[in-house]
Amino acid sequence: MKLIKKIILIVVIVGAIGLSFYAYMGGFREVEVKETNFGPVEIFIYTHKGAYKNLNESWDKFQKEWESIGLTECNSLAIYLDGPETPEENLRSVLGCRMDGLSDAQVKSIKTKLNTFQIPAVKCITATFPFKNIVSYFLAPTKVYPKFQEFLSDKSAKTSVAIEVYGGSSNFVDHIDFFMPIEVSREAFAPLEGLFQTK
């Protein structure tokens, strides 16, 4: 009987810790979806194909690329080209750093050595989710994208890609911004798809 009480106590304690951590991460936060505008934004980019859990490997390679040309900071974002029904091995992502704020010399160096893309001015739906630690990269999408899908269904709207904005690589970041263009042709992002065809 004592053993059963101990097990129950442990389960209660673990459950309480789990709920507290979930609350700290923003798990109980209500996600608000709004309409806004995004872009134009010019970025330099690096492609990733495969599971999102391996994005950090591509990020490390990307960071080595932009550090090799003298850059010390990346105002980062990512563009996700495929829907949730896509098999993991076929998922296509594009890591990017914004070029606004860089010097003319830096921009020139980037354009001669790295791939670039200009995200056009687009009408979007958007939402924000708090960033606490690396777990936020996995929790935030599970909270935001279902709300996006509800909004799109209610409005009978269509989207083309998803954009997540993370912010400066060396500065403290307290949130992630999510955007999904609406009423925008997929053709606007065709150059990004073309990068995967050449690999």
C-alpha atoms as a PDB file:
ATOM      1  CA  MET A   1       0.000   0.000   0.000  1.00  0.00           C
ATOM      2  CA  LYS A   2       2.846   2.356   0.865  1.00  0.00           C
ATOM      3  CA  LEU A   3       4.445   1.600  -2.500  1.00  0.00           C
ATOM      4  CA  ILE A   4       1.239   2.521  -4.323  1.00  0.00           C
ATOM      5  CA  LYS A   5       1.046   5.819  -2.428  1.00  0.00           C
ATOM      6  CA  LYS A   6       4.643   6.599  -3.345  1.00  0.00           C
ATOM      7  CA  ILE A   7       3.962   5.849  -7.012  1.00  0.00           C
ATOM      8  CA  ILE A   8       0.871   8.068  -6.979  1.00  0.00           C
ATOM      9  CA  LEU A   9       2.860  10.867  -5.299  1.00  0.00           C
ATOM     10  CA  ILE A  10       5.623  10.595  -7.892  1.00  0.00           C
ATOM     11  CA  VAL A  11       3.096  10.666 -10.744  1.00  0.00           C
ATOM     12  CA  VAL A  12       1.419  13.764  -9.245  1.00  0.00           C
ATOM     13  CA  ILE A  13       4.756  15.542  -8.799  1.00  0.00           C
ATOM     14  CA  VAL A  14       5.942  14.701 -12.310  1.00  0.00           C
ATOM     15  CA  GLY A  15       2.589  15.774 -13.737  1.00  0.00           C
ATOM     16  CA  ALA A  16       2.709  19.071 -11.861  1.00  0.00           C
ATOM     17  CA  ILE A  17       6.248  19.745 -13.092  1.00  0.00           C
ATOM     18  CA  GLY A  18       5.200  18.888 -16.651  1.00  0.00           C
ATOM     19  CA  LEU A  19       2.185  21.224 -16.512  1.00  0.00           C
ATOM     20  CA  SER A  20       4.294  24.006 -15.019  1.00  0.00           C
ATOM     21  CA  PHE A  21       6.884  23.653 -17.770  1.00  0.00           C
ATOM     22  CA  TYR A  22       4.165  23.588 -20.440  1.00  0.00           C
ATOM     23  CA  ALA A  23       2.657  26.765 -18.990  1.00  0.00           C
ATOM     24  CA  TYR A  24       6.109  28.412 -18.845  1.00  0.00           C
ATOM     25  CA  MET A  25       6.654  27.557 -22.505  1.00  0.00           C
ATOM     26  CA  GLY A  26       3.384  29.262 -23.430  1.00  0.00           C
ATOM     27  CA  GLY A  27       1.444  26.061 -23.989  1.00  0.00           C
ATOM     28  CA  PHE A  28      -1.750  27.499 -22.521  1.00  0.00           C
ATOM     29  CA  ARG A  29      -1.376  30.792 -24.352  1.00  0.00           C
ATOM     30  CA  GLU A  30      -4.207  31.700 -26.732  1.00  0.00           C
ATOM     31  CA  VAL A  31      -2.866  32.283 -30.248  1.00  0.00           C
ATOM     32  CA  GLU A  32      -4.349  35.328 -31.972  1.00  0.00           C
ATOM     33  CA  VAL A  33      -4.342  35.388 -35.771  1.00  0.00           C
ATOM     34  CA  LYS A  34      -4.367  38.738 -37.549  1.00  0.00           C
ATOM     35  CA  GLU A  35      -4.044  40.011 -41.109  1.00  0.00           C
ATOM     36  CA  THR A  36      -1.035  42.138 -42.015  1.00  0.00           C
ATOM     37  CA  ASN A  37       1.490  42.871 -44.765  1.00  0.00           C
ATOM     38  CA  PHE A  38       5.005  41.485 -45.101  1.00  0.00           C
ATOM     39  CA  GLY A  39       7.876  42.476 -47.354  1.00  0.00           C
ATOM     40  CA  PRO A  40       9.482  43.187 -49.615  1.00  0.00           C
ATOM     41  CA  VAL A  41      12.488  41.677 -47.848  1.00  0.00           C
ATOM     42  CA  GLU A  42      15.752  40.693 -49.517  1.00  0.00           C
ATOM     43  CA  ILE A  43      17.522  37.734 -47.919  1.00  0.00           C
ATOM     44  CA  PHE A  44      20.526  35.503 -48.497  1.00  0.00           C
ATOM     45  CA  ILE A  45      19.656  31.857 -48.183  1.00  0.00           C
ATOM     46  CA  TYR A  46      20.612  28.223 -47.643  1.00  0.00           C
ATOM     47  CA  THR A  47      18.433  25.245 -48.541  1.00  0.00           C
ATOM     48  CA  HIS A  48      17.524  22.270 -46.376  1.00  0.00           C
ATOM     49  CA  LYS A  49      15.727  19.122 -47.494  1.00  0.00           C
ATOM     50  CA  GLY A  50      14.457  16.604 -44.991  1.00  0.00           C
ATOM     51  CA  ALA A  51      13.101  16.482 -41.449  1.00  0.00           C
ATOM     52  CA  TYR A  52      12.799  19.744 -39.563  1.00  0.00           C
ATOM     53  CA  LYS A  53      14.538  18.164 -36.566  1.00  0.00           C
ATOM     54  CA  ASN A  54      17.749  18.239 -38.630  1.00  0.00           C
ATOM     55  CA  LEU A  55      17.534  21.926 -39.503  1.00  0.00           C
ATOM     56  CA  ASN A  56      20.250  22.733 -36.972  1.00  0.00           C
ATOM     57  CA  GLU A  57      22.760  20.816 -39.117  1.00  0.00           C
ATOM     58  CA  SER A  58      21.953  22.981 -42.134  1.00  0.00           C
ATOM     59  CA  TRP A  59      22.006  26.086 -39.973  1.00  0.00           C
ATOM     60  CA  ASP A  60      25.559  25.283 -38.812  1.00  0.00           C
ATOM     61  CA  LYS A  61      26.678  24.973 -42.445  1.00  0.00           C
ATOM     62  CA  PHE A  62      24.856  28.176 -43.376  1.00  0.00           C
ATOM     63  CA  GLN A  63      26.441  30.070 -40.507  1.00  0.00           C
ATOM     64  CA  LYS A  64      29.904  28.966 -41.592  1.00  0.00           C
ATOM     65  CA  GLU A  65      29.130  30.324 -45.074  1.00  0.00           C
ATOM     66  CA  TRP A  66      28.095  33.798 -43.970  1.00  0.00           C
ATOM     67  CA  GLU A  67      30.799  34.031 -41.335  1.00  0.00           C
ATOM     68  CA  SER A  68      33.384  33.144 -44.010  1.00  0.00           C
ATOM     69  CA  ILE A  69      32.607  36.409 -45.833  1.00  0.00           C
ATOM     70  CA  GLY A  70      32.961  38.515 -42.710  1.00  0.00           C
ATOM     71  CA  LEU A  71      29.400  38.697 -41.396  1.00  0.00           C
ATOM     72  CA  THR A  72      28.947  38.401 -37.648  1.00  0.00           C
ATOM     73  CA  GLU A  73      25.174  38.665 -37.308  1.00  0.00           C
ATOM     74  CA  CYS A  74      22.126  37.124 -38.978  1.00  0.00           C
ATOM     75  CA  ASN A  75      18.625  38.525 -38.653  1.00  0.00           C
ATOM     76  CA  SER A  76      17.173  35.100 -39.293  1.00  0.00           C
ATOM     77  CA  LEU A  77      14.024  33.617 -40.753  1.00  0.00           C
ATOM     78  CA  ALA A  78      12.969  30.471 -42.564  1.00  0.00           C
ATOM     79  CA  ILE A  79      10.570  29.731 -45.412  1.00  0.00           C
ATOM     80  CA  TYR A  80       8.785  26.390 -45.428  1.00  0.00           C
ATOM     81  CA  LEU A  81       7.649  25.271 -48.873  1.00  0.00           C
ATOM     82  CA  ASP A  82       5.682  22.107 -48.110  1.00  0.00           C
ATOM     83  CA  GLY A  83       2.550  21.212 -46.194  1.00  0.00           C
ATOM     84  CA  PRO A  84       2.283  18.849 -43.206  1.00  0.00           C
ATOM     85  CA  GLU A  85       1.169  15.959 -45.421  1.00  0.00           C
ATOM     86  CA  THR A  86       4.592  15.869 -47.117  1.00  0.00           C
ATOM     87  CA  PRO A  87       6.824  12.895 -46.196  1.00  0.00           C
ATOM     88  CA  GLU A  88       9.682  13.991 -43.920  1.00  0.00           C
ATOM     89  CA  GLU A  89      12.382  13.155 -46.431  1.00  0.00           C
ATOM     90  CA  ASN A  90      10.778  15.466 -49.023  1.00  0.00           C
ATOM     91  CA  LEU A  91      10.257  18.527 -46.845  1.00  0.00           C
ATOM     92  CA  ARG A  92      11.909  21.631 -48.303  1.00  0.00           C
ATOM     93  CA  SER A  93      12.996  24.542 -46.112  1.00  0.00           C
ATOM     94  CA  VAL A  94      14.942  27.694 -46.872  1.00  0.00           C
ATOM     95  CA  LEU A  95      17.017  29.319 -44.140  1.00  0.00           C
ATOM     96  CA  GLY A  96      17.609  33.009 -44.591  1.00  0.00           C
ATOM     97  CA  CYS A  97      19.128  36.190 -43.186  1.00  0.00           C
ATOM     98  CA  ARG A  98      17.732  39.631 -43.922  1.00  0.00           C
ATOM     99  CA  MET A  99      19.987  41.972 -45.862  1.00  0.00           C
ATOM    100  CA  ASP A 100      18.453  45.261 -44.757  1.00  0.00           C
ATOM    101  CA  GLY A 101      20.852  47.187 -42.548  1.00  0.00           C
ATOM    102  CA  LEU A 102      23.974  45.756 -44.178  1.00  0.00           C
ATOM    103  CA  SER A 103      26.547  47.960 -45.901  1.00  0.00           C
ATOM    104  CA  ASP A 104      26.802  48.174 -49.686  1.00  0.00           C
ATOM    105  CA  ALA A 105      30.100  46.295 -49.511  1.00  0.00           C
ATOM    106  CA  GLN A 106      28.536  43.486 -47.497  1.00  0.00           C
ATOM    107  CA  VAL A 107      25.588  43.218 -49.872  1.00  0.00           C
ATOM    108  CA  LYS A 108      27.942  43.080 -52.860  1.00  0.00           C
ATOM    109  CA  SER A 109      29.985  40.326 -51.226  1.00  0.00           C
ATOM    110  CA  ILE A 110      26.856  38.347 -50.396  1.00  0.00           C
ATOM    111  CA  LYS A 111      25.482  38.562 -53.931  1.00  0.00           C
ATOM    112  CA  THR A 112      28.722  37.291 -55.448  1.00  0.00           C
ATOM    113  CA  LYS A 113      29.121  34.338 -53.076  1.00  0.00           C
ATOM    114  CA  LEU A 114      25.700  33.298 -51.753  1.00  0.00           C
ATOM    115  CA  ASN A 115      22.220  32.662 -53.109  1.00  0.00           C
ATOM    116  CA  THR A 116      19.753  35.490 -52.539  1.00  0.00           C
ATOM    117  CA  PHE A 117      15.998  35.925 -52.858  1.00  0.00           C
ATOM    118  CA  GLN A 118      13.559  38.781 -52.466  1.00  0.00           C
ATOM    119  CA  ILE A 119      10.368  37.963 -50.639  1.00  0.00           C
ATOM    120  CA  PRO A 120       7.779  40.114 -52.422  1.00  0.00           C
ATOM    121  CA  ALA A 121       5.347  42.423 -50.677  1.00  0.00           C
ATOM    122  CA  VAL A 122       2.501  40.111 -49.662  1.00  0.00           C
ATOM    123  CA  LYS A 123      -0.712  40.169 -47.684  1.00  0.00           C
ATOM    124  CA  CYS A 124      -0.407  37.692 -44.807  1.00  0.00           C
ATOM    125  CA  ILE A 125      -1.973  36.214 -41.774  1.00  0.00           C
ATOM    126  CA  THR A 126       0.315  36.424 -38.762  1.00  0.00           C
ATOM    127  CA  ALA A 127       0.669  35.278 -35.177  1.00  0.00           C
ATOM    128  CA  THR A 128       3.313  35.522 -32.477  1.00  0.00           C
ATOM    129  CA  PHE A 129       4.436  32.914 -29.962  1.00  0.00           C
ATOM    130  CA  PRO A 130       6.863  33.331 -27.044  1.00  0.00           C
ATOM    131  CA  PHE A 131      10.390  31.977 -27.357  1.00  0.00           C
ATOM    132  CA  LYS A 132      11.869  30.463 -24.199  1.00  0.00           C
ATOM    133  CA  ASN A 133      14.427  27.919 -25.390  1.00  0.00           C
ATOM    134  CA  ILE A 134      15.057  25.409 -28.161  1.00  0.00           C
ATOM    135  CA  VAL A 135      11.817  23.552 -27.291  1.00  0.00           C
ATOM    136  CA  SER A 136       9.921  26.629 -28.529  1.00  0.00           C
ATOM    137  CA  TYR A 137      10.935  25.803 -32.109  1.00  0.00           C
ATOM    138  CA  PHE A 138       8.919  22.592 -31.833  1.00  0.00           C
ATOM    139  CA  LEU A 139       6.048  23.703 -29.585  1.00  0.00           C
ATOM    140  CA  ALA A 140       5.219  26.998 -31.303  1.00  0.00           C
ATOM    141  CA  PRO A 141       4.256  25.478 -34.688  1.00  0.00           C
ATOM    142  CA  THR A 142       1.890  22.999 -33.001  1.00  0.00           C
ATOM    143  CA  LYS A 143       0.040  25.939 -31.452  1.00  0.00           C
ATOM    144  CA  VAL A 144       0.134  28.416 -34.343  1.00  0.00           C
ATOM    145  CA  TYR A 145      -0.511  26.418 -37.516  1.00  0.00           C
ATOM    146  CA  PRO A 146      -3.802  24.830 -36.387  1.00  0.00           C
ATOM    147  CA  LYS A 147      -5.079  28.370 -35.726  1.00  0.00           C
ATOM    148  CA  PHE A 148      -3.860  29.436 -39.165  1.00  0.00           C
ATOM    149  CA  GLN A 149      -5.769  26.551 -40.721  1.00  0.00           C
ATOM    150  CA  GLU A 150      -8.934  27.530 -38.846  1.00  0.00           C
ATOM    151  CA  PHE A 151      -8.604  31.095 -40.116  1.00  0.00           C
ATOM    152  CA  LEU A 152      -7.973  29.991 -43.692  1.00  0.00           C
ATOM    153  CA  SER A 153     -10.972  27.651 -43.615  1.00  0.00           C
ATOM    154  CA  ASP A 154     -13.278  30.315 -42.180  1.00  0.00           C
ATOM    155  CA  LYS A 155     -12.201  32.834 -44.813  1.00  0.00           C
ATOM    156  CA  SER A 156     -11.974  30.279 -47.647  1.00  0.00           C
ATOM    157  CA  ALA A 157      -8.474  31.654 -48.230  1.00  0.00           C
ATOM    158  CA  LYS A 158      -5.507  29.897 -49.794  1.00  0.00           C
ATOM    159  CA  THR A 159      -1.853  30.147 -48.888  1.00  0.00           C
ATOM    160  CA  SER A 160       1.412  29.224 -50.567  1.00  0.00           C
ATOM    161  CA  VAL A 161       4.259  29.002 -48.020  1.00  0.00           C
ATOM    162  CA  ALA A 162       4.953  29.573 -44.331  1.00  0.00           C
ATOM    163  CA  ILE A 163       7.496  32.091 -43.043  1.00  0.00           C
ATOM    164  CA  GLU A 164       8.911  32.066 -39.526  1.00  0.00           C
ATOM    165  CA  VAL A 165      10.940  35.048 -38.321  1.00  0.00           C
ATOM    166  CA  TYR A 166      13.375  34.372 -35.476  1.00  0.00           C
ATOM    167  CA  GLY A 167      15.396  37.593 -35.193  1.00  0.00           C
ATOM    168  CA  GLY A 168      19.042  38.338 -34.495  1.00  0.00           C
ATOM    169  CA  SER A 169      21.416  35.428 -33.977  1.00  0.00           C
ATOM    170  CA  SER A 170      23.433  37.169 -31.248  1.00  0.00           C
ATOM    171  CA  ASN A 171      20.638  39.121 -29.554  1.00  0.00           C
ATOM    172  CA  PHE A 172      18.115  37.964 -26.986  1.00  0.00           C
ATOM    173  CA  VAL A 173      14.893  36.968 -28.732  1.00  0.00           C
ATOM    174  CA  ASP A 174      11.657  36.591 -26.774  1.00  0.00           C
ATOM    175  CA  HIS A 175       9.220  35.579 -29.530  1.00  0.00           C
ATOM    176  CA  ILE A 176       8.828  33.968 -32.933  1.00  0.00           C
ATOM    177  CA  ASP A 177       6.708  35.643 -35.626  1.00  0.00           C
ATOM    178  CA  PHE A 178       4.737  33.455 -38.023  1.00  0.00           C
ATOM    179  CA  PHE A 179       3.430  34.566 -41.421  1.00  0.00           C
ATOM    180  CA  MET A 180       1.470  32.834 -44.175  1.00  0.00           C
ATOM    181  CA  PRO A 181       0.900  34.776 -47.419  1.00  0.00           C
ATOM    182  CA  ILE A 182      -2.674  34.779 -48.710  1.00  0.00           C
ATOM    183  CA  GLU A 183      -3.940  35.649 -52.178  1.00  0.00           C
ATOM    184  CA  VAL A 184      -0.379  35.211 -53.466  1.00  0.00           C
ATOM    185  CA  SER A 185       0.526  32.886 -56.320  1.00  0.00           C
ATOM    186  CA  ARG A 186       2.929  30.055 -55.567  1.00  0.00           C
ATOM    187  CA  GLU A 187       4.877  31.294 -58.589  1.00  0.00           C
ATOM    188  CA  ALA A 188       6.234  34.112 -56.442  1.00  0.00           C
ATOM    189  CA  PHE A 189       8.312  31.490 -54.616  1.00  0.00           C
ATOM    190  CA  ALA A 190       9.165  29.367 -57.660  1.00  0.00           C
ATOM    191  CA  PRO A 191      12.847  30.475 -57.659  1.00  0.00           C
ATOM    192  CA  LEU A 192      13.230  28.797 -54.255  1.00  0.00           C
ATOM    193  CA  GLU A 193      11.765  25.546 -55.547  1.00  0.00           C
ATOM    194  CA  GLY A 194      14.209  25.757 -58.455  1.00  0.00           C
ATOM    195  CA  LEU A 195      17.158  25.642 -56.049  1.00  0.00           C
ATOM    196  CA  PHE A 196      16.131  22.148 -54.976  1.00  0.00           C
ATOM    197  CA  GLN A 197      15.833  20.953 -58.568  1.00  0.00           C
ATOM    198  CA  THR A 198      19.466  21.823 -59.258  1.00  0.00           C
ATOM    199  CA  LYS A 199      20.768  19.678 -56.393  1.00  0.00           C
END
